[in-house]
Amino acid sequence: MHHALQLQEILLNIFGHCDPGLDTSNLAALARTCRAFKEPALDVLWEDLNDLSPLLRCVPEASRQISSGLYGIRRSFTQIEWDILRSYTRRIRSIFLEDAGIDQASLVVLSKPPMIEPLLSNVRKLRFDYTPRTKFLSFHHLPSLVSLDIHLKLHPLDQEIFRSFAKVSPSLTELYIESHHPANFDMGGVDPSIICHWRNYRTFWCSKLHLDVITLVHLSRMPALTCLSFAFRSELLEEISPSFSPLIFSNLKKLMLRSRSLDLIFRLVSQTRYPAVTNVSASITQLRPSRQDLSSFFTGVQTSGSPHTIQKLWLVQERTWAPTPVPGNKPVLGLEDLQLYMPFSNLRRIKLSIDWKVNLTDDELLSFASTWPLLEELLINMDWGWKTLGGITPNGLLQVLQICRSLTRIALAIDTRGYTEVPPSPASLGLTLPRISLIHVLDSIIEEESVPAIAAFIAGLVLPSEFEFRAWHGGEVYGRGGDVAEWQRHHWEGVYDRVKDAVSQLR
């Protein structure tokens, strides 16, 4: 064998090209080929697990069983079997689970090995969907764990899981807890003070966990903290005393705040400072913001950080299953409101989506977007629609794309009225435009006779290899009648089919 193939670094690099997530047979075959290949091949094969069943499948059949699709322990392991198991588990660095793949009793048994060193001693990343079974992962001693990512879908989070992980994983620096169900719990029952067990945070991303002042002050003292997301109630503002204010997050880069109203978010950013922040997102859960709320929020963001460092600025009003009624007519979003973004001179990503109507002309959008030639993302009322018969004309959008050569993600209402002639492609006109990866036309109204022309227009803009197109995404979202929504979806599906056919010929 060539001496180069006896170097572990070279073998690990070679074996790293065999993706174990797609097919484990190649790595398994390499591990059996010769003694020199065995260790590096097994290291790559076991480095990342998306199922815990391999922990039981590597012991003799007499010691394991399978029932209802889950592996389990048939009898107590011998010391030799524990040693076999340990020879594999020491190689695991990351575990990403939707379900454990083994039964609950086995998870508990594996958390208490007879040897002094824990079974999963080298696991650094753990991500799992929270279920009554996977919560027993918190019983495992994970001394090397630095990143914990818990996804909530169907079950409320038991705060005791925090206490368990605080004991078994003292080195944690990244904590992610997200709820993906639109009607799910907002984690208000979790005691935030448990979070203070960890003192070396780099990332704290728990957008539905309501913090108290003790936890917020604790996080502000983390010099390595660069990513922060949390929710809060009005009580937090009352707890921030003059001795705390302003709280300074000196090295924070990404910030996401979530509360019931924009006024509460403005009041919090007025009492905090983020001198190095580049990404700011605010999420409103209940009350539609007023024009004054909007103005105050943007002013608050300016004063709490450096407006010239901010590259992403998102403001989103969440859609709820039981929205809070707001009296009066909906405000209309116009150029004057969008100009609140102007002090932020280096923006790359803009998203403004609130329960307002939108009225923008081609010239107004061009005037707004031309402030940022390096703009990559422009999403205006992506979640609420424009609620207008018009919008931005195709020619108006072309003008914006000629100015913003990096713009690849767009959410705008398109005015299709009278657009019935199939346009020449941008390339045939000598135009060099960015290729769009996402185009969302929201609640744009289109007539059947405009379908071919609009499809040809969009086909000339999108990235042929991969693009995302949306229209009337859940028709009821835009407050239009069911018949209107159904008819419009039908027309826009026709547009999408034509676009797919056109771009498939370019691949």
Protein backbone atom coordinates (compact mmCIF):
# COMPACT_ATOMS: atom_id res chain seq x y z
CA MET A 1 0.00 0.00 0.00
CA HIS A 2 1.29 3.47 -0.83
CA HIS A 3 2.57 5.21 2.30
CA ALA A 4 0.24 8.19 1.69
CA LEU A 5 -2.74 5.93 2.33
CA GLN A 6 -1.41 5.24 5.81
CA LEU A 7 -1.83 8.88 6.86
CA GLN A 8 -5.04 9.37 8.83
CA GLU A 9 -5.59 12.94 7.58
CA ILE A 10 -5.51 11.84 3.94
CA LEU A 11 -7.84 8.91 4.56
CA LEU A 12 -10.31 11.06 6.48
CA ASN A 13 -10.33 13.55 3.60
CA ILE A 14 -10.95 10.78 1.06
CA PHE A 15 -13.63 9.05 3.10
CA GLY A 16 -15.32 12.36 3.79
CA HIS A 17 -16.50 12.35 0.16
CA CYS A 18 -18.58 9.23 0.86
CA ASP A 19 -21.81 10.72 2.18
CA PRO A 20 -23.05 8.42 5.00
CA GLY A 21 -26.41 10.19 4.91
CA LEU A 22 -27.07 8.78 1.44
CA ASP A 23 -25.36 5.40 1.52
CA THR A 24 -23.36 3.76 4.30
CA SER A 25 -22.35 0.71 2.29
CA ASN A 26 -19.22 2.30 0.77
CA LEU A 27 -17.84 3.39 4.13
CA ALA A 28 -18.70 0.05 5.70
CA ALA A 29 -16.90 -1.74 2.87
CA LEU A 30 -13.84 0.49 3.29
CA ALA A 31 -13.80 -0.23 7.03
CA ARG A 32 -13.65 -3.96 6.26
CA THR A 33 -11.02 -3.66 3.52
CA CYS A 34 -7.89 -3.45 5.65
CA ARG A 35 -6.62 -2.42 9.05
CA ALA A 36 -5.34 0.95 7.79
CA PHE A 37 -8.77 1.89 6.41
CA LYS A 38 -10.83 0.67 9.36
CA GLU A 39 -10.44 3.52 11.84
CA PRO A 40 -10.85 6.54 9.52
CA ALA A 41 -13.76 4.90 7.68
CA LEU A 42 -15.56 4.17 10.95
CA ASP A 43 -14.87 7.72 12.16
CA VAL A 44 -16.66 9.17 9.13
CA LEU A 45 -19.43 6.56 9.23
CA TRP A 46 -20.31 7.28 12.86
CA GLU A 47 -19.54 11.00 12.98
CA ASP A 48 -23.17 12.11 12.39
CA LEU A 49 -26.24 10.10 13.40
CA ASN A 50 -29.84 10.83 12.42
CA ASP A 51 -31.16 7.77 14.24
CA LEU A 52 -30.02 6.02 17.45
CA SER A 53 -30.84 2.52 16.26
CA PRO A 54 -27.19 1.89 15.18
CA LEU A 55 -26.32 1.92 18.89
CA LEU A 56 -28.27 -1.31 19.30
CA ARG A 57 -27.69 -2.77 15.86
CA CYS A 58 -23.96 -3.03 16.57
CA VAL A 59 -24.44 -5.50 19.46
CA PRO A 60 -25.22 -9.21 18.95
CA GLU A 61 -28.78 -10.09 17.93
CA ALA A 62 -29.30 -12.02 21.14
CA SER A 63 -29.08 -8.73 23.06
CA ARG A 64 -31.50 -6.69 21.00
CA GLN A 65 -35.06 -6.81 19.71
CA ILE A 66 -37.34 -4.80 17.45
CA SER A 67 -40.98 -4.00 18.16
CA SER A 68 -43.32 -1.57 16.39
CA GLY A 69 -40.39 -0.31 14.33
CA LEU A 70 -38.27 0.54 17.39
CA TYR A 71 -35.13 -1.23 18.52
CA GLY A 72 -34.87 -2.23 22.16
CA ILE A 73 -32.61 -4.08 24.59
CA ARG A 74 -33.61 -7.74 25.02
CA ARG A 75 -31.31 -8.50 27.95
CA SER A 76 -28.59 -6.81 29.96
CA PHE A 77 -25.39 -6.17 28.05
CA THR A 78 -22.23 -8.00 29.01
CA GLN A 79 -19.06 -5.99 29.59
CA ILE A 80 -17.80 -7.11 26.19
CA GLU A 81 -20.96 -5.76 24.56
CA TRP A 82 -20.61 -2.45 26.38
CA ASP A 83 -17.01 -2.28 25.11
CA ILE A 84 -18.19 -2.94 21.55
CA LEU A 85 -20.78 -0.20 21.88
CA ARG A 86 -18.24 2.22 23.32
CA SER A 87 -15.81 1.53 20.45
CA TYR A 88 -18.40 3.03 18.10
CA THR A 89 -20.10 5.72 20.21
CA ARG A 90 -16.80 7.46 20.99
CA ARG A 91 -16.72 8.45 17.31
CA ILE A 92 -20.08 10.27 17.32
CA ARG A 93 -19.83 14.06 17.07
CA SER A 94 -23.38 15.10 16.04
CA ILE A 95 -26.85 13.65 16.58
CA PHE A 96 -29.82 14.98 14.57
CA LEU A 97 -33.10 13.21 15.34
CA GLU A 98 -36.75 13.40 14.35
CA ASP A 99 -37.33 10.33 16.49
CA ALA A 100 -34.97 8.26 18.60
CA GLY A 101 -35.34 4.99 16.67
CA ILE A 102 -35.04 3.06 19.94
CA ASP A 103 -37.54 2.63 22.74
CA GLN A 104 -37.72 4.73 25.88
CA ALA A 105 -36.44 2.04 28.24
CA SER A 106 -33.34 1.53 26.10
CA LEU A 107 -32.61 5.27 26.09
CA VAL A 108 -32.58 5.22 29.88
CA VAL A 109 -30.38 2.10 30.06
CA LEU A 110 -27.85 3.56 27.63
CA SER A 111 -27.61 6.69 29.76
CA LYS A 112 -26.14 4.61 32.62
CA PRO A 113 -23.22 2.59 31.23
CA PRO A 114 -21.09 0.61 33.70
CA MET A 115 -17.88 2.33 32.63
CA ILE A 116 -16.74 5.62 34.15
CA GLU A 117 -16.60 7.48 30.84
CA PRO A 118 -20.05 8.33 29.42
CA LEU A 119 -21.24 6.56 26.29
CA LEU A 120 -21.63 9.78 24.25
CA SER A 121 -18.61 11.61 25.60
CA ASN A 122 -17.61 13.29 22.32
CA VAL A 123 -20.99 14.47 21.05
CA ARG A 124 -20.75 18.21 20.36
CA LYS A 125 -24.07 18.89 18.60
CA LEU A 126 -27.51 17.55 19.47
CA ARG A 127 -30.68 18.43 17.59
CA PHE A 128 -33.96 16.61 18.12
CA ASP A 129 -37.71 16.89 17.78
CA TYR A 130 -39.08 16.96 21.29
CA THR A 131 -41.31 13.97 22.11
CA PRO A 132 -42.08 11.99 25.29
CA ARG A 133 -39.38 9.56 24.12
CA THR A 134 -36.61 11.85 22.91
CA LYS A 135 -36.72 13.94 26.09
CA PHE A 136 -34.83 11.09 27.78
CA LEU A 137 -31.77 12.21 25.83
CA SER A 138 -31.35 14.70 28.68
CA PHE A 139 -30.47 11.74 30.93
CA HIS A 140 -27.26 11.16 28.99
CA HIS A 141 -24.04 12.69 30.26
CA LEU A 142 -22.83 14.86 27.36
CA PRO A 143 -19.70 16.61 28.67
CA SER A 144 -18.55 17.82 25.23
CA LEU A 145 -21.92 19.18 24.09
CA VAL A 146 -21.66 22.77 22.87
CA SER A 147 -24.80 23.07 20.69
CA LEU A 148 -28.31 22.03 21.77
CA ASP A 149 -31.22 22.45 19.33
CA ILE A 150 -34.74 21.43 20.44
CA HIS A 151 -37.70 21.57 18.03
CA LEU A 152 -41.23 21.60 19.44
CA LYS A 153 -44.04 20.27 17.25
CA LEU A 154 -46.71 18.47 19.26
CA HIS A 155 -45.64 18.47 22.90
CA PRO A 156 -45.04 21.27 25.43
CA LEU A 157 -41.52 21.57 26.74
CA ASP A 158 -40.93 20.25 30.26
CA GLN A 159 -38.64 22.73 31.98
CA GLU A 160 -37.00 19.87 33.88
CA ILE A 161 -35.21 19.05 30.65
CA PHE A 162 -33.29 22.31 31.12
CA ARG A 163 -32.25 21.29 34.61
CA SER A 164 -31.06 17.92 33.30
CA PHE A 165 -29.01 19.39 30.46
CA ALA A 166 -27.52 21.99 32.82
CA LYS A 167 -26.13 19.13 34.90
CA VAL A 168 -24.92 16.85 32.11
CA SER A 169 -23.71 19.47 29.59
CA PRO A 170 -21.82 22.24 31.39
CA SER A 171 -19.94 23.39 28.27
CA LEU A 172 -22.97 24.50 26.26
CA THR A 173 -22.44 27.64 24.17
CA GLU A 174 -25.34 27.44 21.67
CA LEU A 175 -28.98 26.98 22.64
CA TYR A 176 -31.81 26.82 20.07
CA ILE A 177 -35.42 26.17 21.04
CA GLU A 178 -38.07 26.68 18.39
CA SER A 179 -41.78 25.88 18.09
CA HIS A 180 -42.94 25.15 14.55
CA HIS A 181 -46.67 24.72 15.05
CA PRO A 182 -48.61 27.95 14.31
CA ALA A 183 -51.00 27.36 17.22
CA ASN A 184 -48.33 26.08 19.57
CA PHE A 185 -47.50 27.10 23.12
CA ASP A 186 -45.22 30.08 23.49
CA MET A 187 -43.13 28.40 26.18
CA GLY A 188 -44.29 30.84 28.80
CA GLY A 189 -44.20 28.10 31.45
CA VAL A 190 -40.41 27.64 31.32
CA ASP A 191 -38.49 29.29 34.13
CA PRO A 192 -35.99 31.53 32.30
CA SER A 193 -33.64 31.62 35.28
CA ILE A 194 -32.65 28.02 34.48
CA ILE A 195 -30.94 29.45 31.41
CA CYS A 196 -28.44 31.20 33.69
CA HIS A 197 -26.74 27.87 34.45
CA TRP A 198 -24.68 28.37 31.28
CA ARG A 199 -22.16 31.21 31.26
CA ASN A 200 -20.43 31.05 27.88
CA TYR A 201 -23.20 31.63 25.38
CA ARG A 202 -22.34 32.37 21.78
CA THR A 203 -25.88 31.79 20.49
CA PHE A 204 -29.16 32.01 22.38
CA TRP A 205 -32.00 31.50 19.89
CA CYS A 206 -35.30 30.90 21.71
CA SER A 207 -37.80 33.14 19.95
CA LYS A 208 -40.81 31.98 21.97
CA LEU A 209 -39.21 31.89 25.39
CA HIS A 210 -40.20 34.90 27.50
CA LEU A 211 -37.23 36.26 29.42
CA ASP A 212 -37.16 38.04 32.73
CA VAL A 213 -34.72 40.79 33.64
CA ILE A 214 -32.33 38.46 35.51
CA THR A 215 -31.84 36.31 32.43
CA LEU A 216 -31.54 39.30 30.10
CA VAL A 217 -28.88 40.90 32.31
CA HIS A 218 -27.08 37.55 32.45
CA LEU A 219 -27.02 37.36 28.65
CA SER A 220 -25.79 40.95 28.33
CA ARG A 221 -22.70 39.92 30.30
CA MET A 222 -21.72 37.23 27.80
CA PRO A 223 -18.80 38.74 25.82
CA ALA A 224 -18.93 35.99 23.17
CA LEU A 225 -22.70 36.26 22.53
CA THR A 226 -23.27 37.03 18.84
CA CYS A 227 -26.80 35.70 18.17
CA LEU A 228 -29.81 36.46 20.38
CA SER A 229 -33.52 35.75 19.95
CA PHE A 230 -36.21 35.84 22.64
CA ALA A 231 -39.74 36.92 23.51
CA PHE A 232 -40.82 39.24 26.30
CA ARG A 233 -43.84 40.73 28.01
CA SER A 234 -44.45 44.25 29.28
CA GLU A 235 -43.35 43.20 32.78
CA LEU A 236 -39.76 42.96 31.57
CA LEU A 237 -39.70 46.68 30.77
CA GLU A 238 -40.87 47.49 34.28
CA GLU A 239 -38.12 45.30 35.77
CA ILE A 240 -35.26 47.06 33.98
CA SER A 241 -34.15 49.55 36.58
CA PRO A 242 -32.02 52.65 35.88
CA SER A 243 -29.03 50.75 37.29
CA PHE A 244 -29.36 48.21 34.47
CA SER A 245 -30.28 50.57 31.64
CA PRO A 246 -28.99 50.65 29.04
CA LEU A 247 -28.07 46.98 28.79
CA ILE A 248 -25.16 46.66 26.37
CA PHE A 249 -24.65 43.61 24.16
CA SER A 250 -21.19 44.55 22.98
CA ASN A 251 -20.50 41.89 20.32
CA LEU A 252 -24.01 40.93 19.24
CA LYS A 253 -24.41 40.47 15.46
CA LYS A 254 -27.91 39.00 15.09
CA LEU A 255 -30.94 40.09 17.11
CA MET A 256 -34.56 38.92 16.96
CA LEU A 257 -37.20 40.30 19.35
CA ARG A 258 -40.76 39.02 19.73
CA SER A 259 -43.59 40.66 21.66
CA ARG A 260 -47.30 41.40 21.42
CA SER A 261 -46.90 44.94 20.06
CA LEU A 262 -44.37 47.07 18.24
CA ASP A 263 -44.56 49.69 20.97
CA LEU A 264 -43.17 47.18 23.50
CA ILE A 265 -40.31 46.31 21.15
CA PHE A 266 -39.51 50.00 20.68
CA ARG A 267 -39.42 50.52 24.43
CA LEU A 268 -37.03 47.61 24.88
CA VAL A 269 -34.59 48.67 22.16
CA SER A 270 -34.61 52.13 23.74
CA GLN A 271 -33.19 50.57 26.91
CA THR A 272 -30.58 48.38 25.21
CA ARG A 273 -27.54 48.90 23.01
CA TYR A 274 -26.16 46.74 20.20
CA PRO A 275 -23.13 48.58 18.79
CA ALA A 276 -21.99 45.76 16.47
CA VAL A 277 -25.34 44.40 15.30
CA THR A 278 -25.77 43.58 11.58
CA ASN A 279 -29.11 41.70 11.53
CA VAL A 280 -32.23 42.99 13.31
CA SER A 281 -35.63 41.27 13.23
CA ALA A 282 -38.78 42.21 15.13
CA SER A 283 -41.88 40.04 15.33
CA ILE A 284 -45.28 41.27 16.53
CA THR A 285 -47.71 38.63 17.78
CA GLN A 286 -50.97 40.54 18.34
CA LEU A 287 -51.51 44.25 17.76
CA ARG A 288 -51.37 45.89 14.34
CA PRO A 289 -48.82 48.72 14.52
CA SER A 290 -49.84 52.32 13.98
CA ARG A 291 -47.89 54.75 11.83
CA GLN A 292 -46.46 56.27 15.02
CA ASP A 293 -45.38 52.82 16.22
CA LEU A 294 -43.58 52.28 12.93
CA SER A 295 -41.73 55.59 13.13
CA SER A 296 -40.75 55.04 16.78
CA PHE A 297 -39.44 51.55 16.09
CA PHE A 298 -37.08 52.62 13.31
CA THR A 299 -35.86 55.53 15.42
CA GLY A 300 -35.24 53.15 18.32
CA VAL A 301 -33.22 50.77 16.14
CA GLN A 302 -31.07 53.70 15.00
CA THR A 303 -30.26 54.81 18.53
CA SER A 304 -29.70 51.31 19.96
CA GLY A 305 -27.06 50.35 17.40
CA SER A 306 -25.03 51.75 14.57
CA PRO A 307 -27.33 52.20 11.56
CA HIS A 308 -24.38 51.84 9.19
CA THR A 309 -23.55 48.32 10.39
CA ILE A 310 -27.07 46.91 9.89
CA GLN A 311 -27.46 44.82 6.73
CA LYS A 312 -30.71 43.01 7.50
CA LEU A 313 -33.78 44.75 8.92
CA TRP A 314 -37.01 42.78 9.19
CA LEU A 315 -40.31 43.78 10.74
CA VAL A 316 -43.03 41.12 10.67
CA GLN A 317 -46.51 40.96 12.15
CA GLU A 318 -47.29 37.29 12.71
CA ARG A 319 -50.54 35.79 11.54
CA THR A 320 -52.40 34.22 14.46
CA TRP A 321 -55.28 31.79 14.65
CA ALA A 322 -57.20 34.21 16.84
CA PRO A 323 -56.12 37.72 15.81
CA THR A 324 -56.81 40.64 18.10
CA PRO A 325 -59.48 42.88 16.50
CA VAL A 326 -58.24 46.35 15.64
CA PRO A 327 -60.85 49.08 15.14
CA GLY A 328 -60.73 51.46 12.20
CA ASN A 329 -59.56 51.17 8.62
CA LYS A 330 -56.24 49.61 7.78
CA PRO A 331 -53.44 52.11 7.14
CA VAL A 332 -51.93 52.22 3.66
CA LEU A 333 -48.19 51.65 3.34
CA GLY A 334 -46.58 54.14 0.99
CA LEU A 335 -43.21 55.59 0.08
CA GLU A 336 -43.24 57.90 3.10
CA ASP A 337 -43.36 54.88 5.41
CA LEU A 338 -40.64 53.00 3.52
CA GLN A 339 -38.36 56.01 3.82
CA LEU A 340 -37.94 55.09 7.49
CA TYR A 341 -35.36 52.59 6.17
CA MET A 342 -33.24 55.34 4.61
CA PRO A 343 -30.84 55.97 7.56
CA PHE A 344 -29.61 52.38 7.26
CA SER A 345 -27.20 52.90 4.40
CA ASN A 346 -25.80 49.38 4.02
CA LEU A 347 -28.95 47.27 3.94
CA ARG A 348 -28.87 44.02 1.97
CA ARG A 349 -32.09 42.38 3.18
CA ILE A 350 -35.44 44.14 3.76
CA LYS A 351 -38.68 42.57 4.90
CA LEU A 352 -41.67 44.60 6.03
CA SER A 353 -44.86 42.60 6.49
CA ILE A 354 -47.69 44.08 8.57
CA ASP A 355 -51.48 44.14 8.48
CA TRP A 356 -51.68 47.22 6.25
CA LYS A 357 -52.63 47.76 2.65
CA VAL A 358 -49.87 48.76 0.22
CA ASN A 359 -49.90 51.44 -2.46
CA LEU A 360 -46.64 51.90 -4.36
CA THR A 361 -45.96 53.07 -7.90
CA ASP A 362 -43.08 52.05 -10.14
CA ASP A 363 -41.29 55.36 -9.58
CA GLU A 364 -41.72 55.15 -5.81
CA LEU A 365 -40.33 51.62 -5.61
CA LEU A 366 -37.41 52.57 -7.86
CA SER A 367 -36.67 55.63 -5.72
CA PHE A 368 -36.72 53.45 -2.61
CA ALA A 369 -34.71 50.47 -3.88
CA SER A 370 -32.05 52.54 -5.64
CA THR A 371 -30.78 53.64 -2.21
CA TRP A 372 -29.15 50.21 -1.88
CA PRO A 373 -27.54 48.98 -5.15
CA LEU A 374 -26.31 45.88 -3.28
CA LEU A 375 -29.79 44.92 -2.07
CA GLU A 376 -30.29 41.12 -2.11
CA GLU A 377 -33.80 40.73 -0.70
CA LEU A 378 -36.90 42.93 -0.91
CA LEU A 379 -40.05 41.48 0.67
CA ILE A 380 -42.96 43.89 1.13
CA ASN A 381 -46.05 42.54 2.89
CA MET A 382 -45.14 38.99 2.00
CA ASP A 383 -47.47 37.57 4.67
CA TRP A 384 -50.41 39.97 4.30
CA GLY A 385 -50.62 40.94 0.63
CA TRP A 386 -51.10 44.37 -0.90
CA LYS A 387 -54.91 44.23 -1.25
CA THR A 388 -54.82 46.26 -4.44
CA LEU A 389 -55.83 45.79 -8.06
CA GLY A 390 -52.51 47.23 -9.17
CA GLY A 391 -48.95 46.87 -7.96
CA ILE A 392 -45.58 47.17 -9.66
CA THR A 393 -45.64 46.75 -13.44
CA PRO A 394 -43.25 44.28 -15.11
CA ASN A 395 -41.36 47.20 -16.65
CA GLY A 396 -41.08 48.83 -13.24
CA LEU A 397 -39.62 45.63 -11.80
CA LEU A 398 -37.10 45.48 -14.65
CA GLN A 399 -35.91 48.99 -13.78
CA VAL A 400 -35.40 47.98 -10.14
CA LEU A 401 -33.42 44.88 -11.16
CA GLN A 402 -31.16 46.97 -13.40
CA ILE A 403 -30.24 49.11 -10.39
CA CYS A 404 -30.07 46.32 -7.77
CA ARG A 405 -27.86 43.76 -9.52
CA SER A 406 -27.73 41.47 -6.45
CA LEU A 407 -31.48 41.29 -5.85
CA THR A 408 -32.51 37.61 -5.90
CA ARG A 409 -35.48 37.40 -3.50
CA ILE A 410 -38.60 39.45 -4.23
CA ALA A 411 -42.11 39.67 -2.76
CA LEU A 412 -44.24 42.31 -4.48
CA ALA A 413 -47.68 42.61 -6.02
CA ILE A 414 -47.40 42.70 -9.82
CA ASP A 415 -49.73 44.84 -11.93
CA THR A 416 -50.63 42.59 -14.86
CA ARG A 417 -53.42 44.71 -16.32
CA GLY A 418 -53.08 45.00 -20.09
CA TYR A 419 -49.91 42.91 -20.15
CA THR A 420 -50.80 40.49 -22.94
CA GLU A 421 -47.89 40.62 -25.40
CA VAL A 422 -45.09 38.12 -24.82
CA PRO A 423 -42.00 40.25 -24.07
CA PRO A 424 -38.51 39.70 -25.51
CA SER A 425 -36.08 38.11 -23.08
CA PRO A 426 -33.85 40.47 -21.05
CA ALA A 427 -30.78 38.94 -22.72
CA SER A 428 -32.09 39.80 -26.19
CA LEU A 429 -32.45 43.41 -25.02
CA GLY A 430 -28.84 43.46 -23.84
CA LEU A 431 -29.85 43.54 -20.16
CA THR A 432 -27.75 41.82 -17.52
CA LEU A 433 -30.06 41.12 -14.61
CA PRO A 434 -29.76 39.10 -11.40
CA ARG A 435 -31.29 35.65 -11.48
CA ILE A 436 -34.21 35.44 -9.06
CA SER A 437 -34.29 32.49 -6.64
CA LEU A 438 -37.60 33.51 -4.99
CA ILE A 439 -40.41 35.51 -6.54
CA HIS A 440 -43.63 35.86 -4.56
CA VAL A 441 -46.37 37.82 -6.34
CA LEU A 442 -48.63 37.75 -3.25
CA ASP A 443 -52.27 38.59 -4.04
CA SER A 444 -51.62 39.98 -7.52
CA ILE A 445 -54.69 39.91 -9.75
CA ILE A 446 -54.22 38.33 -13.17
CA GLU A 447 -56.64 37.72 -16.04
CA GLU A 448 -56.43 34.62 -18.19
CA GLU A 449 -55.29 36.52 -21.28
CA SER A 450 -52.20 37.79 -19.40
CA VAL A 451 -50.98 34.33 -18.34
CA PRO A 452 -48.68 33.62 -21.35
CA ALA A 453 -47.04 37.07 -21.29
CA ILE A 454 -46.48 37.12 -17.51
CA ALA A 455 -45.10 33.57 -17.61
CA ALA A 456 -42.61 34.56 -20.32
CA PHE A 457 -41.61 37.64 -18.31
CA ILE A 458 -40.98 35.64 -15.12
CA ALA A 459 -39.17 32.86 -16.99
CA GLY A 460 -36.66 35.46 -18.18
CA LEU A 461 -35.90 36.45 -14.58
CA VAL A 462 -35.67 33.29 -12.51
CA LEU A 463 -32.67 31.09 -11.81
CA PRO A 464 -33.16 28.07 -14.11
CA SER A 465 -31.49 25.56 -11.81
CA GLU A 466 -33.56 26.39 -8.75
CA PHE A 467 -36.28 28.93 -8.08
CA GLU A 468 -39.27 29.31 -5.79
CA PHE A 469 -42.50 30.84 -7.08
CA ARG A 470 -45.54 31.66 -4.95
CA ALA A 471 -48.87 33.32 -5.57
CA TRP A 472 -51.98 33.47 -3.41
CA HIS A 473 -50.23 31.31 -0.84
CA GLY A 474 -53.35 30.36 1.12
CA GLY A 475 -55.97 32.57 -0.53
CA GLU A 476 -57.80 33.37 2.70
CA VAL A 477 -54.61 34.95 3.97
CA TYR A 478 -55.27 38.03 1.89
CA GLY A 479 -58.84 38.58 3.02
CA ARG A 480 -60.30 37.95 -0.43
CA GLY A 481 -63.40 35.91 -1.17
CA GLY A 482 -62.97 32.17 -1.59
CA ASP A 483 -64.06 32.19 -5.26
CA VAL A 484 -61.63 34.99 -6.10
CA ALA A 485 -58.77 33.23 -4.36
CA GLU A 486 -59.50 29.91 -6.06
CA TRP A 487 -59.73 31.49 -9.50
CA GLN A 488 -56.53 33.47 -9.02
CA ARG A 489 -54.63 30.43 -7.77
CA HIS A 490 -55.76 28.59 -10.89
CA HIS A 491 -54.43 31.35 -13.18
CA TRP A 492 -51.12 31.63 -11.32
CA GLU A 493 -50.65 27.86 -11.36
CA GLY A 494 -50.91 28.18 -15.12
CA VAL A 495 -48.17 30.82 -15.00
CA TYR A 496 -45.97 28.57 -12.86
CA ASP A 497 -46.42 25.57 -15.17
CA ARG A 498 -45.41 27.66 -18.18
CA VAL A 499 -42.38 29.05 -16.33
CA LYS A 500 -41.24 25.54 -15.39
CA ASP A 501 -41.58 24.38 -18.98
CA ALA A 502 -39.62 27.38 -20.26
CA VAL A 503 -36.71 27.13 -17.81
CA SER A 504 -36.45 23.34 -18.20
CA GLN A 505 -35.39 23.96 -21.79
CA LEU A 506 -32.52 26.15 -20.55
CA ARG A 507 -30.97 23.61 -18.21
